Amino acid sequence: MKPKLLLLLFFVNFSIYAQYTSIPDVNFENKLIALGIDSGTTDGQVLTSNIDKLTSLDVSNSSITDLTGIQDFVSLKYFHCHYNKLTTLDLSKNTALIYLYCRSNQLTSLDLSKNTALETLDCHTNSFITLDLSKNIALKDLTCSYNSLTTLNVSKNIFLENLTCDNNQLATVDVSENTALKIFVCHNNQLPTLDLSKNTALIQLTCNSNPLTSLDLSNNTALVYLQCIYNTLTTLDLSMNTALQNLSCFSGSLTTLDLSKNIALKSLDCHSNKLTTLDFSKNVALDRLHCYSNQLTSLNLKNGKNSLLTDLNCKSNPSLNCIDVDDVSYSNTNWSMFKDATATYSLSCSTLGTKETTFDKITVFPNPAKEELHIDNSTLEKATVYDTLGKLITTTKFTNGSNNNTINLAGLRSGLYYLYLENEGATIVKIIIIE
């Protein structure tokens, strides 16, 4: 009787021991304790019944180097282990996994062949050279930025909607099978070409800092956001991208940019190119424009909605003498600091040339002035004075036919001011000095 009892007790003790999972990494166990999953004692193990039904686990930012024990979290669907010190990660037993967030570790490889249910993978900032996703057919969201990937095969990931693979060493990425793709971020790679002809659902494209010389977006009619800065593009045809709202194409080699079809455009940053002409007369939603440091000779902002344009910079265009706007006074009041001093706002720059003889006959004296400024011209309609900060100082309207028009400048501080002279929609600016 006694031997049988001893044998029974042995099997009971063994059964109790078998219900524990080894957790050798003290930081891993401390995190489980902090989450209330493990008991309050660090003993290198956790009760298996406490973990095998868990569907979500977040052990991020915990200085973990070893995730031994994760294999018994067999029901895990959502796993966050980012910002640790992991060099290996074995998830072969976690076959229910849907979401994996393992960015900012020290991983050099990752075997996900058993994780066929995986839909979201973020392995940003590791040391991967290759990444095999051929078994992850269900994958919808992939972020693998800041690795050392030289190749990336996503041909099997036909449900992929978001591909973010920037800051790698990719020379090619074939997305022809990813027809559901909506977001594609591939900047800071070595891509000389991009074939996006099959990605008709694409909404966002970021392809900065690649050796791209051309970019065909004619099939991407759903595109809303495009960023293609620091490339060598000389042309950019956006005539088919009528849904486009945000465009950044600065620091390139563009010589032309036709946005007449992009009536939904809200924000454009095209500075530091070689553009000579920009016409926004059709872009009635425009609220942000940075076109400084180009070679502009013509800029048309006259779209009937200038009040929406609250962020403007068209400086450093030394050949730009006139800018078409809806309202000269409004533009001088709100945008005087956002252009070169030699440029003027006008209702019709195209007619300015016919007025040059009129403006050539203007005599402004004395300059420097003290309390009064005299303007000798019989056809002048209005003169407006602004300080160097763009603040309106005074506006004077003139009687048609008067040859000697006077502006009262009494009380002004000494310094430099801008004098805007207007006649039939044309404007010219002169610099005056108050002593």
Protein backbone atom coordinates (compact mmCIF):
# COMPACT_ATOMS: atom_id res chain seq x y z
CA MET A 1 0.00 0.00 0.00
CA LYS A 2 2.77 2.43 0.92
CA PRO A 3 4.71 2.04 -2.39
CA LYS A 4 1.54 2.78 -4.33
CA LEU A 5 0.93 5.92 -2.24
CA LEU A 6 4.49 7.12 -2.76
CA LEU A 7 4.18 6.56 -6.51
CA LEU A 8 0.94 8.56 -6.58
CA LEU A 9 2.54 11.43 -4.68
CA PHE A 10 5.47 11.41 -7.13
CA PHE A 11 3.17 11.81 -10.13
CA VAL A 12 1.17 14.55 -8.37
CA ASN A 13 4.36 16.50 -7.66
CA PHE A 14 5.58 16.00 -11.24
CA SER A 15 2.22 17.18 -12.58
CA ILE A 16 2.37 20.31 -10.45
CA TYR A 17 5.95 21.03 -11.63
CA ALA A 18 4.95 20.54 -15.28
CA GLN A 19 2.44 23.38 -14.98
CA TYR A 20 5.25 25.94 -14.80
CA THR A 21 7.07 27.63 -17.67
CA SER A 22 10.72 28.57 -17.31
CA ILE A 23 11.45 32.32 -17.56
CA PRO A 24 15.26 32.64 -17.24
CA ASP A 25 15.44 36.37 -18.08
CA VAL A 26 14.84 38.26 -14.84
CA ASN A 27 13.64 41.37 -16.68
CA PHE A 28 11.09 39.32 -18.59
CA GLU A 29 9.78 37.82 -15.37
CA ASN A 30 9.74 41.18 -13.58
CA LYS A 31 7.60 42.53 -16.42
CA LEU A 32 5.20 39.61 -16.07
CA ILE A 33 5.03 40.31 -12.33
CA ALA A 34 4.35 44.00 -12.98
CA LEU A 35 1.54 43.01 -15.33
CA GLY A 36 0.03 40.75 -12.67
CA ILE A 37 0.62 37.64 -14.76
CA ASP A 38 3.28 36.13 -12.49
CA SER A 39 3.44 35.98 -8.69
CA GLY A 40 5.36 38.59 -6.73
CA THR A 41 8.44 36.41 -6.36
CA THR A 42 11.21 36.28 -8.98
CA ASP A 43 11.87 32.55 -9.17
CA GLY A 44 12.60 31.98 -12.86
CA GLN A 45 9.23 30.52 -13.69
CA VAL A 46 5.58 31.37 -14.24
CA LEU A 47 2.49 29.25 -13.84
CA THR A 48 1.65 27.99 -17.35
CA SER A 49 -2.07 28.23 -16.70
CA ASN A 50 -1.56 31.99 -16.20
CA ILE A 51 -0.15 32.47 -19.69
CA ASP A 52 -1.51 29.86 -22.08
CA LYS A 53 -4.86 31.62 -22.49
CA LEU A 54 -3.49 35.16 -22.85
CA THR A 55 -4.24 36.76 -26.23
CA SER A 56 -2.31 40.01 -25.71
CA LEU A 57 1.08 40.77 -24.14
CA ASP A 58 3.15 43.96 -23.99
CA VAL A 59 6.68 43.61 -22.60
CA SER A 60 8.16 46.62 -24.39
CA ASN A 61 10.86 48.87 -22.87
CA SER A 62 11.95 46.27 -20.33
CA SER A 63 15.66 45.60 -21.15
CA ILE A 64 14.84 41.99 -22.00
CA THR A 65 17.57 39.96 -23.73
CA ASP A 66 15.93 36.51 -23.67
CA LEU A 67 12.26 35.70 -24.30
CA THR A 68 12.54 32.01 -23.46
CA GLY A 69 9.12 31.01 -22.18
CA ILE A 70 7.20 32.88 -24.86
CA GLN A 71 6.56 29.51 -26.55
CA ASP A 72 3.95 28.65 -23.91
CA PHE A 73 1.91 31.78 -24.66
CA VAL A 74 0.15 29.62 -27.24
CA SER A 75 -3.01 31.76 -27.54
CA LEU A 76 -1.12 35.00 -28.11
CA LYS A 77 -2.55 37.18 -30.90
CA TYR A 78 -1.03 40.58 -30.10
CA PHE A 79 2.59 40.76 -28.99
CA HIS A 80 4.60 43.92 -28.24
CA CYS A 81 8.28 43.37 -27.46
CA HIS A 82 9.77 46.55 -28.91
CA TYR A 83 12.61 48.57 -27.37
CA ASN A 84 14.39 45.66 -25.74
CA LYS A 85 17.80 44.01 -26.33
CA LEU A 86 16.70 40.90 -28.17
CA THR A 87 19.11 39.18 -30.55
CA THR A 88 16.83 36.21 -31.22
CA LEU A 89 13.06 35.75 -31.27
CA ASP A 90 11.47 32.29 -31.59
CA LEU A 91 7.74 32.54 -32.22
CA SER A 92 7.31 29.16 -33.88
CA LYS A 93 4.83 28.02 -31.21
CA ASN A 94 2.78 31.21 -31.30
CA THR A 95 0.76 30.21 -34.33
CA ALA A 96 -2.26 32.36 -33.40
CA LEU A 97 -0.20 35.55 -33.67
CA ILE A 98 -1.90 38.33 -35.66
CA TYR A 99 0.07 41.40 -34.58
CA LEU A 100 3.84 41.52 -33.89
CA TYR A 101 5.62 44.69 -32.82
CA CYS A 102 9.34 43.97 -32.33
CA ARG A 103 10.98 47.20 -33.48
CA SER A 104 14.18 48.61 -31.96
CA ASN A 105 15.91 45.42 -30.92
CA GLN A 106 19.12 43.76 -32.16
CA LEU A 107 17.57 41.04 -34.30
CA THR A 108 19.48 39.78 -37.34
CA SER A 109 16.93 37.19 -38.42
CA LEU A 110 13.26 36.42 -37.89
CA ASP A 111 11.53 33.15 -38.79
CA LEU A 112 7.81 33.75 -39.25
CA SER A 113 7.07 30.67 -41.33
CA LYS A 114 4.74 29.25 -38.66
CA ASN A 115 2.88 32.52 -38.10
CA THR A 116 0.56 32.22 -41.07
CA ALA A 117 -2.21 34.25 -39.39
CA LEU A 118 0.05 37.30 -39.07
CA GLU A 119 -1.57 40.50 -40.38
CA THR A 120 0.66 43.23 -38.93
CA LEU A 121 4.44 43.19 -38.57
CA ASP A 122 6.57 46.06 -37.32
CA CYS A 123 10.26 45.12 -37.17
CA HIS A 124 11.58 48.67 -37.64
CA THR A 125 15.17 49.34 -36.50
CA ASN A 126 16.84 45.97 -36.29
CA SER A 127 19.69 44.44 -38.32
CA PHE A 128 17.91 42.34 -40.92
CA ILE A 129 19.61 41.67 -44.24
CA THR A 130 16.80 39.42 -45.44
CA LEU A 131 13.19 38.93 -44.40
CA ASP A 132 11.22 35.90 -45.60
CA LEU A 133 7.49 36.63 -45.67
CA SER A 134 6.50 33.99 -48.20
CA LYS A 135 4.31 32.11 -45.72
CA ASN A 136 2.57 35.20 -44.36
CA ILE A 137 -0.15 35.41 -46.98
CA ALA A 138 -2.55 37.24 -44.61
CA LEU A 139 -0.12 40.12 -44.03
CA LYS A 140 -1.75 43.55 -44.46
CA ASP A 141 0.64 45.93 -42.72
CA LEU A 142 4.45 45.70 -42.94
CA THR A 143 6.95 48.14 -41.45
CA CYS A 144 10.58 47.09 -41.85
CA SER A 145 12.32 50.47 -41.95
CA TYR A 146 15.86 51.11 -40.71
CA ASN A 147 17.32 47.69 -41.37
CA SER A 148 19.96 46.56 -43.88
CA LEU A 149 17.65 44.88 -46.35
CA THR A 150 19.04 44.54 -49.86
CA THR A 151 16.06 42.57 -51.15
CA LEU A 152 12.41 42.38 -50.17
CA ASN A 153 10.00 39.91 -51.75
CA VAL A 154 6.34 40.73 -51.07
CA SER A 155 4.91 38.91 -54.07
CA LYS A 156 3.03 36.44 -51.86
CA ASN A 157 1.56 39.15 -49.64
CA ILE A 158 -1.36 39.91 -51.92
CA PHE A 159 -3.46 41.50 -49.15
CA LEU A 160 -0.77 44.02 -48.24
CA GLU A 161 -2.19 47.52 -47.72
CA ASN A 162 0.72 49.28 -46.04
CA LEU A 163 4.35 48.76 -47.01
CA THR A 164 6.87 50.91 -45.16
CA CYS A 165 10.43 49.89 -46.05
CA ASP A 166 12.35 53.16 -45.92
CA ASN A 167 15.99 53.50 -44.87
CA ASN A 168 17.27 50.20 -46.18
CA GLN A 169 19.56 49.32 -49.10
CA LEU A 170 16.91 48.22 -51.56
CA ALA A 171 17.73 48.54 -55.25
CA THR A 172 14.37 47.17 -56.34
CA VAL A 173 10.93 46.51 -54.87
CA ASP A 174 8.34 44.67 -56.93
CA VAL A 175 4.83 45.62 -55.81
CA SER A 176 3.03 44.45 -58.93
CA GLU A 177 1.20 41.71 -56.99
CA ASN A 178 0.16 44.05 -54.19
CA THR A 179 -2.92 45.50 -55.85
CA ALA A 180 -4.52 46.34 -52.47
CA LEU A 181 -1.59 48.60 -51.52
CA LYS A 182 -2.72 51.97 -50.14
CA ILE A 183 0.42 53.27 -48.42
CA PHE A 184 3.93 52.83 -49.84
CA VAL A 185 6.86 54.42 -48.02
CA CYS A 186 10.24 53.60 -49.57
CA HIS A 187 12.44 56.66 -49.08
CA ASN A 188 16.20 56.53 -48.47
CA ASN A 189 16.89 53.45 -50.54
CA GLN A 190 18.67 52.92 -53.87
CA LEU A 191 15.65 52.65 -56.14
CA PRO A 192 16.31 53.93 -59.69
CA THR A 193 12.77 53.08 -60.86
CA LEU A 194 9.33 52.44 -59.41
CA ASP A 195 6.60 50.55 -61.25
CA LEU A 196 3.28 51.46 -59.62
CA SER A 197 1.07 50.74 -62.59
CA LYS A 198 -0.82 47.94 -60.79
CA ASN A 199 -1.29 49.83 -57.52
CA THR A 200 -4.47 51.67 -58.43
CA ALA A 201 -5.62 51.83 -54.78
CA LEU A 202 -2.52 53.77 -53.72
CA ILE A 203 -3.33 56.78 -51.50
CA GLN A 204 0.08 57.70 -50.09
CA LEU A 205 3.51 57.50 -51.72
CA THR A 206 6.76 58.59 -50.09
CA CYS A 207 9.79 57.90 -52.27
CA ASN A 208 12.29 60.56 -51.18
CA SER A 209 16.04 60.25 -51.58
CA ASN A 210 16.22 57.65 -54.29
CA PRO A 211 18.01 58.01 -57.66
CA LEU A 212 14.67 58.36 -59.46
CA THR A 213 14.78 60.22 -62.78
CA SER A 214 11.14 59.58 -63.69
CA LEU A 215 7.92 58.68 -61.92
CA ASP A 216 4.82 57.42 -63.71
CA LEU A 217 1.71 57.97 -61.59
CA SER A 218 -0.85 57.92 -64.38
CA ASN A 219 -2.65 54.85 -62.99
CA ASN A 220 -2.63 56.05 -59.37
CA THR A 221 -5.74 58.20 -59.62
CA ALA A 222 -6.63 57.73 -55.92
CA LEU A 223 -3.34 59.29 -54.77
CA VAL A 224 -3.85 61.90 -52.03
CA TYR A 225 -0.35 62.33 -50.57
CA LEU A 226 2.88 62.41 -52.58
CA GLN A 227 6.37 63.09 -51.27
CA CYS A 228 9.22 62.74 -53.76
CA ILE A 229 11.87 65.11 -52.41
CA TYR A 230 15.63 64.80 -52.93
CA ASN A 231 15.36 62.96 -56.24
CA THR A 232 16.61 63.89 -59.70
CA LEU A 233 13.21 64.25 -61.33
CA THR A 234 13.12 66.84 -64.11
CA THR A 235 9.42 66.39 -64.86
CA LEU A 236 6.42 65.27 -62.85
CA ASP A 237 3.12 64.59 -64.61
CA LEU A 238 0.24 64.77 -62.13
CA SER A 239 -2.55 65.35 -64.61
CA MET A 240 -4.30 62.09 -63.70
CA ASN A 241 -3.96 62.54 -59.92
CA THR A 242 -7.02 64.71 -59.42
CA ALA A 243 -7.48 63.57 -55.78
CA LEU A 244 -4.03 64.86 -54.77
CA GLN A 245 -4.09 67.10 -51.68
CA ASN A 246 -0.52 67.18 -50.42
CA LEU A 247 2.58 67.40 -52.62
CA SER A 248 6.20 67.72 -51.51
CA CYS A 249 8.73 67.71 -54.34
CA PHE A 250 11.37 70.13 -53.08
CA SER A 251 15.13 69.88 -53.59
CA GLY A 252 14.99 68.36 -57.03
CA SER A 253 15.59 69.31 -60.65
CA LEU A 254 12.06 70.12 -61.78
CA THR A 255 11.83 72.74 -64.52
CA THR A 256 8.05 72.58 -64.98
CA LEU A 257 5.10 71.71 -62.76
CA ASP A 258 1.55 71.78 -64.12
CA LEU A 259 -1.04 71.54 -61.34
CA SER A 260 -4.06 72.74 -63.29
CA LYS A 261 -5.81 69.37 -62.90
CA ASN A 262 -5.14 69.09 -59.17
CA ILE A 263 -8.01 71.23 -57.93
CA ALA A 264 -8.10 69.40 -54.56
CA LEU A 265 -4.50 70.41 -53.79
CA LYS A 266 -4.12 71.95 -50.33
CA SER A 267 -0.39 71.92 -49.63
CA LEU A 268 2.59 72.27 -51.96
CA ASP A 269 6.27 72.43 -51.09
CA CYS A 270 8.33 72.73 -54.28
CA HIS A 271 11.19 74.92 -53.10
CA SER A 272 14.75 74.52 -54.36
CA ASN A 273 14.00 73.34 -57.89
CA LYS A 274 14.47 75.06 -61.27
CA LEU A 275 10.89 76.14 -61.82
CA THR A 276 10.27 79.28 -63.88
CA THR A 277 6.46 79.38 -63.91
CA LEU A 278 3.76 78.38 -61.43
CA ASP A 279 0.03 78.86 -61.99
CA PHE A 280 -2.41 78.17 -59.15
CA SER A 281 -5.48 79.77 -60.69
CA LYS A 282 -7.30 76.40 -60.59
CA ASN A 283 -6.15 75.35 -57.11
CA VAL A 284 -8.99 76.82 -55.07
CA ALA A 285 -8.25 74.72 -51.95
CA LEU A 286 -4.60 75.79 -51.61
CA ASP A 287 -3.69 76.78 -48.04
CA ARG A 288 0.08 76.18 -47.99
CA LEU A 289 2.68 77.08 -50.63
CA HIS A 290 6.46 77.05 -50.34
CA CYS A 291 8.06 77.82 -53.70
CA TYR A 292 11.12 79.74 -52.58
CA SER A 293 14.57 79.29 -54.11
CA ASN A 294 13.47 78.60 -57.67
CA GLN A 295 13.95 80.56 -60.89
CA LEU A 296 10.43 81.94 -61.07
CA THR A 297 9.56 84.71 -63.49
CA SER A 298 5.80 84.15 -63.22
CA LEU A 299 3.63 83.24 -60.22
CA ASN A 300 -0.16 83.28 -60.42
CA LEU A 301 -1.94 83.01 -57.05
CA LYS A 302 -5.19 84.46 -58.36
CA ASN A 303 -7.70 81.70 -57.65
CA GLY A 304 -10.52 83.56 -55.87
CA LYS A 305 -9.61 81.90 -52.55
CA ASN A 306 -6.50 83.75 -51.38
CA SER A 307 -7.92 84.02 -47.86
CA LEU A 308 -7.31 80.27 -47.47
CA LEU A 309 -3.59 80.63 -48.19
CA THR A 310 -2.16 81.14 -44.70
CA ASP A 311 1.32 79.64 -45.17
CA LEU A 312 3.21 81.23 -48.06
CA ASN A 313 6.88 81.58 -48.93
CA CYS A 314 7.98 82.63 -52.41
CA LYS A 315 11.24 84.36 -51.49
CA SER A 316 14.60 83.90 -53.20
CA ASN A 317 13.20 84.21 -56.70
CA PRO A 318 15.20 87.25 -57.86
CA SER A 319 13.65 87.33 -61.35
CA LEU A 320 10.09 87.36 -60.02
CA ASN A 321 8.92 90.97 -60.29
CA CYS A 322 5.15 90.54 -60.16
CA ILE A 323 2.74 88.10 -58.49
CA ASP A 324 -0.90 87.76 -59.57
CA VAL A 325 -3.31 87.85 -56.61
CA ASP A 326 -7.01 88.30 -55.84
CA ASP A 327 -6.60 91.47 -53.80
CA VAL A 328 -3.49 93.65 -53.76
CA SER A 329 -4.26 95.30 -50.41
CA TYR A 330 -4.99 91.98 -48.74
CA SER A 331 -1.78 90.50 -50.11
CA ASN A 332 0.32 93.46 -49.03
CA THR A 333 -1.20 93.33 -45.56
CA ASN A 334 -0.88 89.58 -45.02
CA TRP A 335 1.92 88.42 -47.30
CA SER A 336 4.37 91.30 -47.54
CA MET A 337 7.10 89.35 -45.74
CA PHE A 338 6.71 86.22 -47.84
CA LYS A 339 8.20 87.55 -51.09
CA ASP A 340 11.28 89.39 -52.24
CA ALA A 341 11.19 93.16 -51.78
CA THR A 342 11.55 93.65 -55.53
CA ALA A 343 8.36 91.69 -56.28
CA THR A 344 4.94 93.33 -56.27
CA TYR A 345 1.42 91.98 -55.95
CA SER A 346 -0.91 92.80 -58.81
CA LEU A 347 -4.40 92.01 -60.05
CA SER A 348 -2.95 91.44 -63.50
CA CYS A 349 0.77 91.03 -64.02
CA SER A 350 0.16 90.43 -67.72
CA THR A 351 -0.86 94.08 -68.12
CA LEU A 352 2.05 95.41 -66.12
CA GLY A 353 4.20 95.67 -69.22
CA THR A 354 1.72 98.07 -70.82
CA LYS A 355 1.95 100.27 -67.75
CA GLU A 356 5.73 100.43 -67.64
CA THR A 357 5.84 103.71 -69.56
CA THR A 358 3.42 105.16 -67.02
CA PHE A 359 5.50 104.02 -64.07
CA ASP A 360 8.71 105.13 -65.77
CA LYS A 361 7.35 108.69 -65.72
CA ILE A 362 6.75 108.63 -61.97
CA THR A 363 8.94 110.95 -59.94
CA VAL A 364 9.08 110.41 -56.18
CA PHE A 365 10.70 113.20 -54.17
CA PRO A 366 12.34 113.94 -51.86
CA ASN A 367 13.90 110.61 -51.04
CA PRO A 368 15.07 110.50 -48.27
CA ALA A 369 12.00 112.34 -46.98
CA LYS A 370 10.97 113.86 -43.66
CA GLU A 371 7.25 114.61 -43.36
CA GLU A 372 5.95 114.63 -46.92
CA LEU A 373 6.52 112.65 -50.08
CA HIS A 374 5.56 114.02 -53.49
CA ILE A 375 4.64 111.84 -56.46
CA ASP A 376 4.51 113.42 -59.89
CA ASN A 377 2.21 111.36 -62.13
CA SER A 378 -1.23 112.20 -63.47
CA THR A 379 -2.61 108.66 -63.86
CA LEU A 380 -1.73 107.22 -60.46
CA GLU A 381 -4.72 105.87 -58.50
CA LYS A 382 -3.38 104.87 -55.10
CA ALA A 383 -0.22 104.76 -52.99
CA THR A 384 0.29 102.51 -49.96
CA VAL A 385 3.17 102.59 -47.49
CA TYR A 386 4.33 99.55 -45.47
CA ASP A 387 7.14 99.17 -42.98
CA THR A 388 9.74 96.40 -43.28
CA LEU A 389 7.62 94.09 -41.09
CA GLY A 390 4.71 94.33 -43.50
CA LYS A 391 2.59 96.59 -41.31
CA LEU A 392 0.31 98.96 -43.20
CA ILE A 393 1.30 102.56 -42.44
CA THR A 394 -0.92 104.65 -44.69
CA THR A 395 -3.04 104.47 -47.83
CA THR A 396 -3.59 107.50 -50.06
CA LYS A 397 -6.01 107.68 -52.99
CA PHE A 398 -5.38 110.26 -55.70
CA THR A 399 -7.67 112.35 -57.86
CA ASN A 400 -7.45 111.45 -61.51
CA GLY A 401 -5.61 114.13 -63.45
CA SER A 402 -3.58 115.50 -60.55
CA ASN A 403 0.11 115.80 -61.37
CA ASN A 404 1.43 116.56 -57.93
CA ASN A 405 0.24 114.01 -55.35
CA THR A 406 1.36 114.26 -51.74
CA ILE A 407 1.62 111.62 -49.01
CA ASN A 408 1.75 112.71 -45.39
CA LEU A 409 4.52 110.85 -43.54
CA ALA A 410 4.62 112.99 -40.41
CA GLY A 411 5.37 111.10 -37.22
CA LEU A 412 7.03 108.10 -38.84
CA ARG A 413 10.20 106.74 -37.30
CA SER A 414 13.41 107.01 -39.28
CA GLY A 415 14.11 104.00 -41.44
CA LEU A 416 13.28 102.13 -44.62
CA TYR A 417 9.71 101.77 -45.96
CA TYR A 418 8.03 100.26 -49.03
CA LEU A 419 5.88 102.43 -51.29
CA TYR A 420 3.35 100.55 -53.45
CA LEU A 421 1.99 102.54 -56.40
CA GLU A 422 -1.12 101.23 -58.17
CA ASN A 423 -2.75 102.03 -61.47
CA GLU A 424 -5.49 99.98 -63.20
CA GLY A 425 -4.57 96.74 -61.45
CA ALA A 426 -0.82 97.11 -62.02
CA THR A 427 1.52 97.74 -59.12
CA ILE A 428 5.10 98.85 -58.70
CA VAL A 429 7.11 99.10 -55.51
CA LYS A 430 9.70 101.67 -54.54
CA ILE A 431 11.89 101.89 -51.47
CA ILE A 432 11.75 105.15 -49.54
CA ILE A 433 13.78 106.36 -46.59
CA ILE A 434 12.45 108.50 -43.75
CA GLU A 435 15.02 110.67 -42.01
